[in-house]
Amino acid sequence: MTISSFAQAGTAQTGFDQAAARRAMIDSQLRTSGVNEPWILAAMAALPRENFVPEALRGAAYMDRAIPLGEGRWLAAPLVHARFLAEATPVQADRALLIGDPAGYLAALLRPLVGSLDVVEPTQAAAADGGDYTLIVIDGAVEQIPDAVAAALADNGRLVTGTVTRGVTRLAVGCKVAGEVALLPLAELGMPVLPEFAAPTRWSF
């Protein structure tokens, strides 16, 4: 779906009360999908999602699907970010790294929930430095985790991302133990795929 078609889909909603739309998002998308943590609901009810999409798409800001932001970037559906937060369980003791949009919706949700937050664009993820992040969140689905990202995670640190296998995206969580990061795919969950994390092409004959 293009930006213009999203704008057309949201045209009928432009006169809606955005606060009411956020409440509807909480009740109709998050609660009904099992997201009931008060701190997640409070954070997402307080943050105007419409401020993170192009003006023409504000009427579609609370739709239950990803929204195109232009230049190949997407804002994931509300449920995706709610599930990411639920699995991340951020706390003030966390030194966190988000791989995503520094000025984006997930960064704004996560920043007050952790002690410190660094954010890098997906194109810069391979240059992630440091080795003491207790939490790393990748805002999208990936085929592989770059070595630099794994190295930036502290031992016993948590990683939350999405995975993509044969076109199917899933929520995934990981933990670093003895220098290795193991990912556990959870439920299927539609989300944007990050091309910067594609696995190398393997030749077959």
N, C-alpha and C. Protein backbone atom coordinates (compact mmCIF):
# COMPACT_ATOMS: atom_id res chain seq x y z
N MET A 1 0.86 -1.19 0.00
CA MET A 1 0.00 0.00 0.00
C MET A 1 0.89 1.24 0.00
N THR A 2 0.61 2.17 -0.91
CA THR A 2 1.43 3.37 -1.03
C THR A 2 0.99 4.43 -0.02
N ILE A 3 1.85 5.46 0.12
CA ILE A 3 1.50 6.56 1.01
C ILE A 3 0.19 7.20 0.56
N SER A 4 0.01 7.39 -0.76
CA SER A 4 -1.21 8.04 -1.24
C SER A 4 -2.44 7.21 -0.93
N SER A 5 -2.35 5.88 -1.07
CA SER A 5 -3.52 5.05 -0.78
C SER A 5 -3.80 5.02 0.71
N PHE A 6 -2.76 5.07 1.54
CA PHE A 6 -2.98 5.18 2.99
C PHE A 6 -3.66 6.49 3.32
N ALA A 7 -3.24 7.56 2.66
CA ALA A 7 -3.84 8.86 2.92
C ALA A 7 -5.32 8.85 2.55
N GLN A 8 -5.65 8.19 1.42
CA GLN A 8 -7.05 8.09 1.02
C GLN A 8 -7.84 7.28 2.04
N ALA A 9 -7.23 6.18 2.54
CA ALA A 9 -7.92 5.34 3.51
C ALA A 9 -8.18 6.09 4.81
N GLY A 10 -7.29 7.03 5.15
CA GLY A 10 -7.45 7.75 6.40
C GLY A 10 -8.21 9.05 6.27
N THR A 11 -8.59 9.41 5.04
CA THR A 11 -9.26 10.70 4.84
C THR A 11 -10.53 10.81 5.65
N ALA A 12 -11.30 9.72 5.72
CA ALA A 12 -12.57 9.77 6.43
C ALA A 12 -12.39 9.91 7.92
N GLN A 13 -11.14 9.66 8.40
CA GLN A 13 -10.89 9.70 9.83
C GLN A 13 -10.25 11.01 10.29
N THR A 14 -9.96 11.91 9.37
CA THR A 14 -9.20 13.10 9.74
C THR A 14 -9.93 13.97 10.75
N GLY A 15 -11.25 13.90 10.80
CA GLY A 15 -11.98 14.70 11.75
C GLY A 15 -12.15 14.03 13.10
N PHE A 16 -11.60 12.81 13.24
CA PHE A 16 -11.77 12.06 14.48
C PHE A 16 -10.96 12.69 15.62
N ASP A 17 -11.46 12.50 16.81
CA ASP A 17 -10.73 12.88 18.02
C ASP A 17 -9.57 11.90 18.18
N GLN A 18 -8.33 12.41 18.11
CA GLN A 18 -7.18 11.51 18.16
C GLN A 18 -7.05 10.84 19.52
N ALA A 19 -7.44 11.53 20.58
CA ALA A 19 -7.41 10.90 21.91
C ALA A 19 -8.38 9.73 21.95
N ALA A 20 -9.53 9.88 21.32
CA ALA A 20 -10.49 8.77 21.24
C ALA A 20 -9.92 7.63 20.40
N ALA A 21 -9.19 7.99 19.36
CA ALA A 21 -8.57 6.96 18.52
C ALA A 21 -7.53 6.18 19.31
N ARG A 22 -6.77 6.86 20.17
CA ARG A 22 -5.80 6.15 21.00
C ARG A 22 -6.50 5.20 21.97
N ARG A 23 -7.62 5.65 22.56
CA ARG A 23 -8.36 4.77 23.45
C ARG A 23 -8.89 3.55 22.71
N ALA A 24 -9.37 3.77 21.49
CA ALA A 24 -9.86 2.65 20.69
C ALA A 24 -8.72 1.69 20.35
N MET A 25 -7.53 2.23 20.08
CA MET A 25 -6.36 1.38 19.83
C MET A 25 -6.09 0.49 21.03
N ILE A 26 -6.13 1.08 22.22
CA ILE A 26 -5.89 0.32 23.45
C ILE A 26 -6.92 -0.79 23.60
N ASP A 27 -8.20 -0.44 23.44
CA ASP A 27 -9.27 -1.40 23.73
C ASP A 27 -9.47 -2.42 22.63
N SER A 28 -9.31 -2.01 21.37
CA SER A 28 -9.65 -2.88 20.24
C SER A 28 -8.47 -3.63 19.65
N GLN A 29 -7.24 -3.11 19.84
CA GLN A 29 -6.08 -3.77 19.26
C GLN A 29 -5.18 -4.42 20.31
N LEU A 30 -4.90 -3.68 21.39
CA LEU A 30 -3.93 -4.19 22.37
C LEU A 30 -4.57 -5.15 23.37
N ARG A 31 -5.61 -4.70 24.06
CA ARG A 31 -6.23 -5.55 25.07
C ARG A 31 -6.76 -6.86 24.46
N THR A 32 -7.38 -6.77 23.31
CA THR A 32 -7.96 -7.96 22.69
C THR A 32 -6.89 -8.94 22.21
N SER A 33 -5.64 -8.47 22.11
CA SER A 33 -4.53 -9.35 21.70
C SER A 33 -3.68 -9.77 22.88
N GLY A 34 -4.15 -9.51 24.11
CA GLY A 34 -3.46 -9.99 25.29
C GLY A 34 -2.45 -9.03 25.90
N VAL A 35 -2.37 -7.81 25.38
CA VAL A 35 -1.47 -6.82 25.97
C VAL A 35 -2.26 -6.05 27.02
N ASN A 36 -2.00 -6.33 28.29
CA ASN A 36 -2.75 -5.71 29.37
C ASN A 36 -1.86 -5.10 30.44
N GLU A 37 -0.55 -5.06 30.22
CA GLU A 37 0.35 -4.47 31.19
C GLU A 37 0.02 -2.98 31.35
N PRO A 38 -0.30 -2.54 32.56
CA PRO A 38 -0.71 -1.14 32.74
C PRO A 38 0.31 -0.14 32.25
N TRP A 39 1.59 -0.42 32.44
CA TRP A 39 2.62 0.54 32.05
C TRP A 39 2.72 0.68 30.54
N ILE A 40 2.45 -0.40 29.80
CA ILE A 40 2.45 -0.31 28.33
C ILE A 40 1.23 0.47 27.85
N LEU A 41 0.08 0.14 28.40
CA LEU A 41 -1.15 0.83 27.99
C LEU A 41 -1.07 2.31 28.32
N ALA A 42 -0.51 2.65 29.48
CA ALA A 42 -0.40 4.05 29.86
C ALA A 42 0.54 4.80 28.93
N ALA A 43 1.68 4.17 28.59
CA ALA A 43 2.65 4.82 27.71
C ALA A 43 2.06 5.07 26.33
N MET A 44 1.36 4.07 25.79
CA MET A 44 0.83 4.21 24.43
C MET A 44 -0.42 5.08 24.40
N ALA A 45 -1.14 5.16 25.50
CA ALA A 45 -2.30 6.05 25.56
C ALA A 45 -1.87 7.51 25.66
N ALA A 46 -0.68 7.75 26.21
CA ALA A 46 -0.23 9.13 26.42
C ALA A 46 0.54 9.70 25.23
N LEU A 47 1.07 8.84 24.37
CA LEU A 47 1.94 9.31 23.28
C LEU A 47 1.14 9.46 21.98
N PRO A 48 1.06 10.66 21.41
CA PRO A 48 0.30 10.86 20.17
C PRO A 48 1.00 10.21 18.98
N ARG A 49 0.50 9.07 18.56
CA ARG A 49 1.09 8.33 17.45
C ARG A 49 1.04 9.14 16.15
N GLU A 50 0.03 10.01 16.05
CA GLU A 50 -0.12 10.79 14.82
C GLU A 50 1.03 11.76 14.61
N ASN A 51 1.80 12.05 15.66
CA ASN A 51 2.94 12.96 15.52
C ASN A 51 4.13 12.30 14.83
N PHE A 52 4.03 11.00 14.57
CA PHE A 52 5.17 10.26 14.02
C PHE A 52 4.92 9.76 12.61
N VAL A 53 3.89 10.30 11.96
CA VAL A 53 3.60 9.95 10.57
C VAL A 53 3.48 11.24 9.77
N PRO A 54 3.62 11.18 8.45
CA PRO A 54 3.41 12.38 7.64
C PRO A 54 2.02 12.96 7.87
N GLU A 55 1.90 14.27 7.74
CA GLU A 55 0.63 14.93 8.04
C GLU A 55 -0.53 14.33 7.26
N ALA A 56 -0.26 13.94 6.02
CA ALA A 56 -1.33 13.38 5.19
C ALA A 56 -1.85 12.04 5.71
N LEU A 57 -1.08 11.40 6.58
CA LEU A 57 -1.46 10.08 7.08
C LEU A 57 -1.96 10.11 8.51
N ARG A 58 -2.15 11.29 9.08
CA ARG A 58 -2.55 11.35 10.48
C ARG A 58 -3.89 10.66 10.73
N GLY A 59 -4.77 10.68 9.76
CA GLY A 59 -6.04 10.01 9.93
C GLY A 59 -5.93 8.51 9.96
N ALA A 60 -4.78 7.98 9.51
CA ALA A 60 -4.56 6.53 9.50
C ALA A 60 -3.60 6.09 10.59
N ALA A 61 -3.21 7.01 11.48
CA ALA A 61 -2.15 6.73 12.45
C ALA A 61 -2.46 5.57 13.38
N TYR A 62 -3.75 5.30 13.63
CA TYR A 62 -4.11 4.26 14.60
C TYR A 62 -4.66 2.99 13.95
N MET A 63 -4.44 2.87 12.64
CA MET A 63 -4.83 1.64 11.96
C MET A 63 -3.96 0.49 12.45
N ASP A 64 -4.49 -0.73 12.39
CA ASP A 64 -3.77 -1.89 12.89
C ASP A 64 -2.88 -2.50 11.82
N ARG A 65 -2.06 -1.67 11.22
CA ARG A 65 -1.11 -2.13 10.21
C ARG A 65 0.05 -1.15 10.13
N ALA A 66 1.12 -1.58 9.48
CA ALA A 66 2.27 -0.70 9.32
C ALA A 66 1.92 0.45 8.37
N ILE A 67 2.53 1.60 8.63
CA ILE A 67 2.25 2.80 7.84
C ILE A 67 3.54 3.23 7.14
N PRO A 68 3.51 3.45 5.83
CA PRO A 68 4.71 3.88 5.12
C PRO A 68 5.07 5.32 5.45
N LEU A 69 6.35 5.53 5.74
CA LEU A 69 6.83 6.87 6.09
C LEU A 69 7.64 7.50 4.98
N GLY A 70 7.87 6.76 3.91
CA GLY A 70 8.68 7.27 2.81
C GLY A 70 10.12 6.80 2.92
N GLU A 71 10.81 6.76 1.77
CA GLU A 71 12.22 6.37 1.70
C GLU A 71 12.45 4.97 2.27
N GLY A 72 11.47 4.10 2.08
CA GLY A 72 11.61 2.72 2.51
C GLY A 72 11.40 2.48 3.99
N ARG A 73 11.00 3.51 4.75
CA ARG A 73 10.80 3.38 6.18
C ARG A 73 9.32 3.18 6.49
N TRP A 74 9.06 2.46 7.59
CA TRP A 74 7.69 2.16 8.00
C TRP A 74 7.53 2.36 9.50
N LEU A 75 6.32 2.70 9.90
CA LEU A 75 5.94 2.68 11.31
C LEU A 75 5.16 1.40 11.54
N ALA A 76 5.67 0.52 12.39
CA ALA A 76 5.02 -0.75 12.63
C ALA A 76 3.65 -0.54 13.27
N ALA A 77 2.78 -1.53 13.15
CA ALA A 77 1.45 -1.47 13.74
C ALA A 77 1.56 -1.33 15.26
N PRO A 78 0.56 -0.74 15.91
CA PRO A 78 0.62 -0.56 17.36
C PRO A 78 0.89 -1.84 18.13
N LEU A 79 0.27 -2.95 17.72
CA LEU A 79 0.46 -4.20 18.45
C LEU A 79 1.91 -4.66 18.42
N VAL A 80 2.62 -4.40 17.33
CA VAL A 80 4.02 -4.82 17.24
C VAL A 80 4.84 -4.13 18.32
N HIS A 81 4.70 -2.83 18.44
CA HIS A 81 5.48 -2.09 19.43
C HIS A 81 5.04 -2.44 20.85
N ALA A 82 3.76 -2.70 21.05
CA ALA A 82 3.30 -3.12 22.37
C ALA A 82 3.91 -4.47 22.76
N ARG A 83 3.95 -5.40 21.82
CA ARG A 83 4.54 -6.71 22.11
C ARG A 83 6.05 -6.60 22.32
N PHE A 84 6.71 -5.72 21.56
CA PHE A 84 8.14 -5.51 21.77
C PHE A 84 8.40 -5.04 23.19
N LEU A 85 7.61 -4.07 23.65
CA LEU A 85 7.79 -3.56 25.01
C LEU A 85 7.52 -4.64 26.04
N ALA A 86 6.48 -5.43 25.83
CA ALA A 86 6.14 -6.49 26.78
C ALA A 86 7.26 -7.49 26.92
N GLU A 87 7.90 -7.86 25.82
CA GLU A 87 8.99 -8.83 25.87
C GLU A 87 10.28 -8.20 26.38
N ALA A 88 10.48 -6.91 26.12
CA ALA A 88 11.71 -6.23 26.55
C ALA A 88 11.73 -6.01 28.05
N THR A 89 10.57 -5.83 28.66
CA THR A 89 10.45 -5.50 30.10
C THR A 89 11.51 -4.48 30.53
N PRO A 90 11.51 -3.29 29.92
CA PRO A 90 12.54 -2.29 30.25
C PRO A 90 12.40 -1.79 31.68
N VAL A 91 13.56 -1.51 32.30
CA VAL A 91 13.61 -0.97 33.66
C VAL A 91 14.62 0.17 33.69
N GLN A 92 14.57 0.96 34.76
CA GLN A 92 15.45 2.12 34.86
C GLN A 92 16.92 1.72 34.97
N ALA A 93 17.20 0.50 35.36
CA ALA A 93 18.59 0.05 35.44
C ALA A 93 19.17 -0.28 34.06
N ASP A 94 18.35 -0.31 33.03
CA ASP A 94 18.82 -0.70 31.69
C ASP A 94 19.61 0.40 31.00
N ARG A 95 20.71 -0.01 30.39
CA ARG A 95 21.38 0.82 29.37
C ARG A 95 20.96 0.20 28.05
N ALA A 96 20.12 0.89 27.30
CA ALA A 96 19.46 0.30 26.15
C ALA A 96 19.96 0.88 24.83
N LEU A 97 19.89 0.04 23.80
CA LEU A 97 20.19 0.44 22.43
C LEU A 97 18.98 0.08 21.58
N LEU A 98 18.48 1.06 20.84
CA LEU A 98 17.40 0.83 19.88
C LEU A 98 17.97 1.00 18.48
N ILE A 99 17.75 0.02 17.65
CA ILE A 99 18.11 0.13 16.24
C ILE A 99 16.83 0.45 15.49
N GLY A 100 16.72 1.70 15.08
CA GLY A 100 15.50 2.19 14.47
C GLY A 100 15.62 3.67 14.21
N ASP A 101 14.50 4.36 14.19
CA ASP A 101 14.46 5.79 13.91
C ASP A 101 14.72 6.57 15.20
N PRO A 102 15.78 7.37 15.27
CA PRO A 102 16.06 8.14 16.48
C PRO A 102 14.93 9.08 16.88
N ALA A 103 14.16 9.55 15.90
CA ALA A 103 13.05 10.46 16.19
C ALA A 103 11.70 9.75 16.07
N GLY A 104 11.72 8.42 16.12
CA GLY A 104 10.51 7.66 15.86
C GLY A 104 9.68 7.34 17.09
N TYR A 105 8.56 6.69 16.84
CA TYR A 105 7.57 6.36 17.86
C TYR A 105 8.13 5.41 18.91
N LEU A 106 8.82 4.35 18.50
CA LEU A 106 9.33 3.38 19.47
C LEU A 106 10.39 4.01 20.36
N ALA A 107 11.24 4.86 19.80
CA ALA A 107 12.24 5.56 20.61
C ALA A 107 11.56 6.42 21.68
N ALA A 108 10.48 7.10 21.29
CA ALA A 108 9.77 7.95 22.25
C ALA A 108 9.09 7.13 23.33
N LEU A 109 8.60 5.94 22.98
CA LEU A 109 8.00 5.06 23.98
C LEU A 109 9.04 4.52 24.95
N LEU A 110 10.18 4.12 24.41
CA LEU A 110 11.17 3.41 25.20
C LEU A 110 12.01 4.33 26.09
N ARG A 111 12.27 5.53 25.62
CA ARG A 111 13.23 6.42 26.30
C ARG A 111 12.91 6.64 27.79
N PRO A 112 11.66 6.93 28.18
CA PRO A 112 11.41 7.16 29.61
C PRO A 112 11.39 5.90 30.46
N LEU A 113 11.45 4.74 29.83
CA LEU A 113 11.33 3.47 30.55
C LEU A 113 12.67 2.88 30.94
N VAL A 114 13.77 3.45 30.44
CA VAL A 114 15.10 2.91 30.70
C VAL A 114 15.98 4.00 31.30
N GLY A 115 17.12 3.57 31.84
CA GLY A 115 18.04 4.54 32.42
C GLY A 115 18.70 5.40 31.37
N SER A 116 19.10 4.79 30.25
CA SER A 116 19.68 5.54 29.14
C SER A 116 19.35 4.81 27.85
N LEU A 117 19.20 5.57 26.77
CA LEU A 117 18.85 4.99 25.47
C LEU A 117 19.70 5.62 24.39
N ASP A 118 20.44 4.77 23.66
CA ASP A 118 21.11 5.18 22.44
C ASP A 118 20.30 4.64 21.27
N VAL A 119 20.22 5.42 20.20
CA VAL A 119 19.46 5.00 19.02
C VAL A 119 20.32 5.16 17.78
N VAL A 120 20.38 4.12 16.97
CA VAL A 120 21.10 4.19 15.70
C VAL A 120 20.19 3.70 14.58
N GLU A 121 20.37 4.29 13.42
CA GLU A 121 19.61 3.85 12.24
C GLU A 121 20.04 2.44 11.85
N PRO A 122 19.14 1.66 11.22
CA PRO A 122 19.54 0.32 10.77
C PRO A 122 20.77 0.32 9.88
N THR A 123 20.95 1.37 9.08
CA THR A 123 22.12 1.43 8.20
C THR A 123 23.42 1.56 8.99
N GLN A 124 23.34 1.97 10.26
CA GLN A 124 24.53 2.17 11.09
C GLN A 124 24.71 1.04 12.11
N ALA A 125 23.86 0.04 12.07
CA ALA A 125 23.88 -1.00 13.10
C ALA A 125 25.19 -1.77 13.12
N ALA A 126 25.80 -1.95 11.96
CA ALA A 126 27.04 -2.72 11.90
C ALA A 126 28.17 -2.01 12.63
N ALA A 127 28.00 -0.71 12.89
CA ALA A 127 29.04 0.05 13.59
C ALA A 127 28.71 0.23 15.07
N ALA A 128 27.72 -0.49 15.57
CA ALA A 128 27.35 -0.38 16.99
C ALA A 128 28.58 -0.67 17.84
N ASP A 129 28.83 0.21 18.82
CA ASP A 129 30.02 0.02 19.64
C ASP A 129 29.63 -0.22 21.09
N GLY A 130 30.62 -0.46 21.90
CA GLY A 130 30.35 -0.76 23.30
C GLY A 130 30.00 -2.24 23.46
N GLY A 131 29.95 -2.71 24.68
CA GLY A 131 29.63 -4.10 24.91
C GLY A 131 28.87 -4.27 26.20
N ASP A 132 28.18 -3.22 26.60
CA ASP A 132 27.53 -3.32 27.90
C ASP A 132 26.08 -2.88 27.87
N TYR A 133 25.42 -2.98 26.72
CA TYR A 133 23.98 -2.72 26.68
C TYR A 133 23.25 -3.89 27.34
N THR A 134 22.39 -3.58 28.27
CA THR A 134 21.63 -4.64 28.92
C THR A 134 20.37 -4.98 28.15
N LEU A 135 19.99 -4.11 27.21
CA LEU A 135 18.81 -4.33 26.38
C LEU A 135 19.05 -3.76 25.00
N ILE A 136 18.81 -4.57 23.98
CA ILE A 136 18.86 -4.10 22.60
C ILE A 136 17.52 -4.45 21.95
N VAL A 137 16.92 -3.45 21.29
CA VAL A 137 15.67 -3.64 20.57
C VAL A 137 15.91 -3.27 19.11
N ILE A 138 15.52 -4.14 18.20
CA ILE A 138 15.63 -3.88 16.77
C ILE A 138 14.22 -3.70 16.24
N ASP A 139 13.92 -2.53 15.72
CA ASP A 139 12.56 -2.17 15.32
C ASP A 139 12.24 -2.70 13.92
N GLY A 140 12.01 -4.01 13.84
CA GLY A 140 11.66 -4.64 12.57
C GLY A 140 12.13 -6.07 12.55
N ALA A 141 11.85 -6.75 11.45
CA ALA A 141 12.21 -8.15 11.30
C ALA A 141 13.53 -8.28 10.55
N VAL A 142 14.37 -9.22 11.00
CA VAL A 142 15.70 -9.39 10.44
C VAL A 142 15.93 -10.85 10.06
N GLU A 143 16.83 -11.04 9.09
CA GLU A 143 17.24 -12.41 8.74
C GLU A 143 18.42 -12.85 9.58
N GLN A 144 19.26 -11.90 9.98
CA GLN A 144 20.42 -12.23 10.80
C GLN A 144 20.77 -11.05 11.70
N ILE A 145 21.44 -11.36 12.81
CA ILE A 145 21.92 -10.34 13.74
C ILE A 145 23.39 -10.07 13.42
N PRO A 146 23.77 -8.84 13.05
CA PRO A 146 25.18 -8.56 12.78
C PRO A 146 26.05 -8.84 13.99
N ASP A 147 27.28 -9.26 13.74
CA ASP A 147 28.21 -9.56 14.83
C ASP A 147 28.41 -8.35 15.75
N ALA A 148 28.43 -7.15 15.16
CA ALA A 148 28.66 -5.95 15.97
C ALA A 148 27.52 -5.72 16.95
N VAL A 149 26.29 -6.06 16.55
CA VAL A 149 25.15 -5.90 17.44
C VAL A 149 25.23 -6.92 18.57
N ALA A 150 25.54 -8.16 18.24
CA ALA A 150 25.69 -9.17 19.28
C ALA A 150 26.80 -8.81 20.25
N ALA A 151 27.90 -8.25 19.72
CA ALA A 151 29.02 -7.87 20.58
C ALA A 151 28.67 -6.71 21.50
N ALA A 152 27.72 -5.87 21.09
CA ALA A 152 27.35 -4.71 21.90
C ALA A 152 26.46 -5.08 23.08
N LEU A 153 25.94 -6.31 23.10
CA LEU A 153 25.05 -6.75 24.17
C LEU A 153 25.88 -7.34 25.31
N ALA A 154 25.59 -6.89 26.52
CA ALA A 154 26.30 -7.41 27.69
C ALA A 154 25.89 -8.85 27.96
N ASP A 155 26.75 -9.61 28.63
CA ASP A 155 26.37 -10.96 29.05
C ASP A 155 25.12 -10.87 29.91
N ASN A 156 24.19 -11.76 29.65
CA ASN A 156 22.87 -11.80 30.30
C ASN A 156 21.96 -10.67 29.84
N GLY A 157 22.40 -9.90 28.84
CA GLY A 157 21.54 -8.87 28.28
C GLY A 157 20.45 -9.46 27.42
N ARG A 158 19.37 -8.69 27.23
CA ARG A 158 18.22 -9.15 26.46
C ARG A 158 18.18 -8.47 25.09
N LEU A 159 17.66 -9.19 24.12
CA LEU A 159 17.49 -8.66 22.78
C LEU A 159 16.07 -8.97 22.32
N VAL A 160 15.39 -7.96 21.78
CA VAL A 160 14.04 -8.13 21.25
C VAL A 160 14.03 -7.65 19.81
N THR A 161 13.50 -8.47 18.92
CA THR A 161 13.49 -8.14 17.51
C THR A 161 12.37 -8.93 16.84
N GLY A 162 12.36 -8.87 15.53
CA GLY A 162 11.53 -9.76 14.75
C GLY A 162 12.43 -10.57 13.85
N THR A 163 11.98 -11.74 13.46
CA THR A 163 12.71 -12.54 12.49
C THR A 163 11.84 -12.74 11.26
N VAL A 164 12.48 -13.03 10.15
CA VAL A 164 11.74 -13.33 8.92
C VAL A 164 12.32 -14.58 8.30
N THR A 165 11.47 -15.54 8.03
CA THR A 165 11.87 -16.79 7.39
C THR A 165 10.86 -17.11 6.30
N ARG A 166 11.34 -17.18 5.07
CA ARG A 166 10.47 -17.45 3.92
C ARG A 166 9.25 -16.53 3.92
N GLY A 167 9.49 -15.27 4.22
CA GLY A 167 8.45 -14.27 4.15
C GLY A 167 7.55 -14.17 5.36
N VAL A 168 7.72 -15.04 6.36
CA VAL A 168 6.90 -15.02 7.57
C VAL A 168 7.68 -14.33 8.67
N THR A 169 7.08 -13.29 9.26
CA THR A 169 7.75 -12.55 10.33
C THR A 169 7.20 -12.98 11.69
N ARG A 170 8.11 -13.05 12.65
CA ARG A 170 7.76 -13.48 14.01
C ARG A 170 8.45 -12.57 15.03
N LEU A 171 7.80 -12.36 16.13
CA LEU A 171 8.43 -11.74 17.28
C LEU A 171 9.47 -12.70 17.83
N ALA A 172 10.62 -12.19 18.26
CA ALA A 172 11.68 -13.05 18.78
C ALA A 172 12.37 -12.36 19.94
N VAL A 173 12.81 -13.16 20.90
CA VAL A 173 13.56 -12.65 22.04
C VAL A 173 14.86 -13.44 22.15
N GLY A 174 15.86 -12.80 22.73
CA GLY A 174 17.14 -13.46 22.88
C GLY A 174 17.83 -13.03 24.15
N CYS A 175 18.86 -13.79 24.51
CA CYS A 175 19.68 -13.48 25.67
C CYS A 175 21.11 -13.86 25.32
N LYS A 176 22.06 -13.09 25.84
CA LYS A 176 23.46 -13.38 25.58
C LYS A 176 24.05 -14.16 26.75
N VAL A 177 24.52 -15.35 26.47
CA VAL A 177 25.09 -16.22 27.48
C VAL A 177 26.43 -16.74 26.97
N ALA A 178 27.48 -16.58 27.78
CA ALA A 178 28.82 -17.03 27.42
C ALA A 178 29.25 -16.48 26.06
N GLY A 179 28.89 -15.21 25.82
CA GLY A 179 29.33 -14.55 24.60
C GLY A 179 28.51 -14.83 23.37
N GLU A 180 27.48 -15.67 23.48
CA GLU A 180 26.65 -16.03 22.33
C GLU A 180 25.22 -15.56 22.54
N VAL A 181 24.61 -15.07 21.45
CA VAL A 181 23.21 -14.63 21.50
C VAL A 181 22.35 -15.69 20.82
N ALA A 182 21.40 -16.22 21.57
CA ALA A 182 20.46 -17.20 21.02
C ALA A 182 19.09 -16.56 20.94
N LEU A 183 18.46 -16.65 19.76
CA LEU A 183 17.14 -16.08 19.55
C LEU A 183 16.07 -17.16 19.62
N LEU A 184 14.97 -16.84 20.28
CA LEU A 184 13.82 -17.74 20.35
C LEU A 184 12.64 -17.08 19.65
N PRO A 185 12.25 -17.59 18.46
CA PRO A 185 11.07 -17.03 17.80
C PRO A 185 9.81 -17.35 18.60
N LEU A 186 8.92 -16.36 18.71
CA LEU A 186 7.66 -16.54 19.42
C LEU A 186 6.53 -16.53 18.39
N ALA A 187 5.48 -15.80 18.64
CA ALA A 187 4.30 -15.82 17.77
C ALA A 187 4.55 -15.11 16.45
N GLU A 188 3.85 -15.58 15.40
CA GLU A 188 3.85 -14.85 14.15
C GLU A 188 3.24 -13.47 14.37
N LEU A 189 3.89 -12.46 13.80
CA LEU A 189 3.44 -11.08 14.00
C LEU A 189 3.89 -10.28 12.80
N GLY A 190 2.95 -9.76 12.05
CA GLY A 190 3.31 -9.00 10.85
C GLY A 190 4.03 -7.71 11.20
N MET A 191 5.17 -7.49 10.57
CA MET A 191 5.96 -6.28 10.84
C MET A 191 6.86 -5.99 9.65
N PRO A 192 7.33 -4.73 9.53
CA PRO A 192 8.24 -4.41 8.43
C PRO A 192 9.55 -5.20 8.53
N VAL A 193 10.08 -5.57 7.37
CA VAL A 193 11.35 -6.28 7.29
C VAL A 193 12.46 -5.27 7.01
N LEU A 194 13.56 -5.39 7.73
CA LEU A 194 14.70 -4.48 7.56
C LEU A 194 15.68 -5.07 6.55
N PRO A 195 15.80 -4.49 5.35
CA PRO A 195 16.71 -5.05 4.35
C PRO A 195 18.17 -4.98 4.78
N GLU A 196 18.51 -4.08 5.70
CA GLU A 196 19.90 -3.96 6.16
C GLU A 196 20.36 -5.21 6.92
N PHE A 197 19.42 -6.05 7.34
CA PHE A 197 19.75 -7.24 8.11
C PHE A 197 19.50 -8.51 7.30
N ALA A 198 19.55 -8.41 5.98
CA ALA A 198 19.37 -9.58 5.13
C ALA A 198 20.57 -10.50 5.24
N ALA A 199 20.32 -11.80 5.17
CA ALA A 199 21.41 -12.77 5.19
C ALA A 199 22.11 -12.76 3.84
N PRO A 200 23.41 -13.07 3.82
CA PRO A 200 24.11 -13.13 2.53
C PRO A 200 23.46 -14.15 1.59
N THR A 201 23.45 -13.80 0.32
CA THR A 201 22.87 -14.71 -0.67
C THR A 201 23.74 -15.96 -0.79
N ARG A 202 23.09 -17.11 -0.75
CA ARG A 202 23.81 -18.38 -0.91
C ARG A 202 23.46 -18.98 -2.27
N TRP A 203 24.49 -19.37 -2.98
CA TRP A 203 24.28 -19.95 -4.30
C TRP A 203 23.85 -21.40 -4.17
N SER A 204 22.93 -21.79 -5.02
CA SER A 204 22.53 -23.20 -5.08
C SER A 204 22.55 -23.66 -6.53
N PHE A 205 22.82 -24.93 -6.72
CA PHE A 205 22.93 -25.48 -8.07
C PHE A 205 21.97 -26.63 -8.24
